[in-house]
Amino acid sequence: MVVVRPESREYAGDGYRAWVSGWHPSLDSIAFERTATIERIAVPTPPRRFSIGVQAGYGLTPAGPQPYIGLGIAYRIF
């Protein structure tokens, strides 16, 4: 009588680990260990040309120049 015992082994290397077993060894499972490098690059955004905000100043009316406070649109030259 010949007794044949199943083999069970574990193999590991850079980034993986594998397990094999059986009389004629076959792959049971394998696990990969991934390492990733994330690089963030800052892209400069151009300044906004138009803006909306609270403004104060003098306005021309039929009654003549008068002070006012209100919402207005501004355009940035530089």
Foldseek 3Di string as FASTA:
>chain_A
DDDQDKDWDWDDDVFKIWIWIGSPTDTDDMGGHDDDDDDDDDDDDDDDFKDKDWDWDWDQDPVGIDIDIDIDMGGHDD
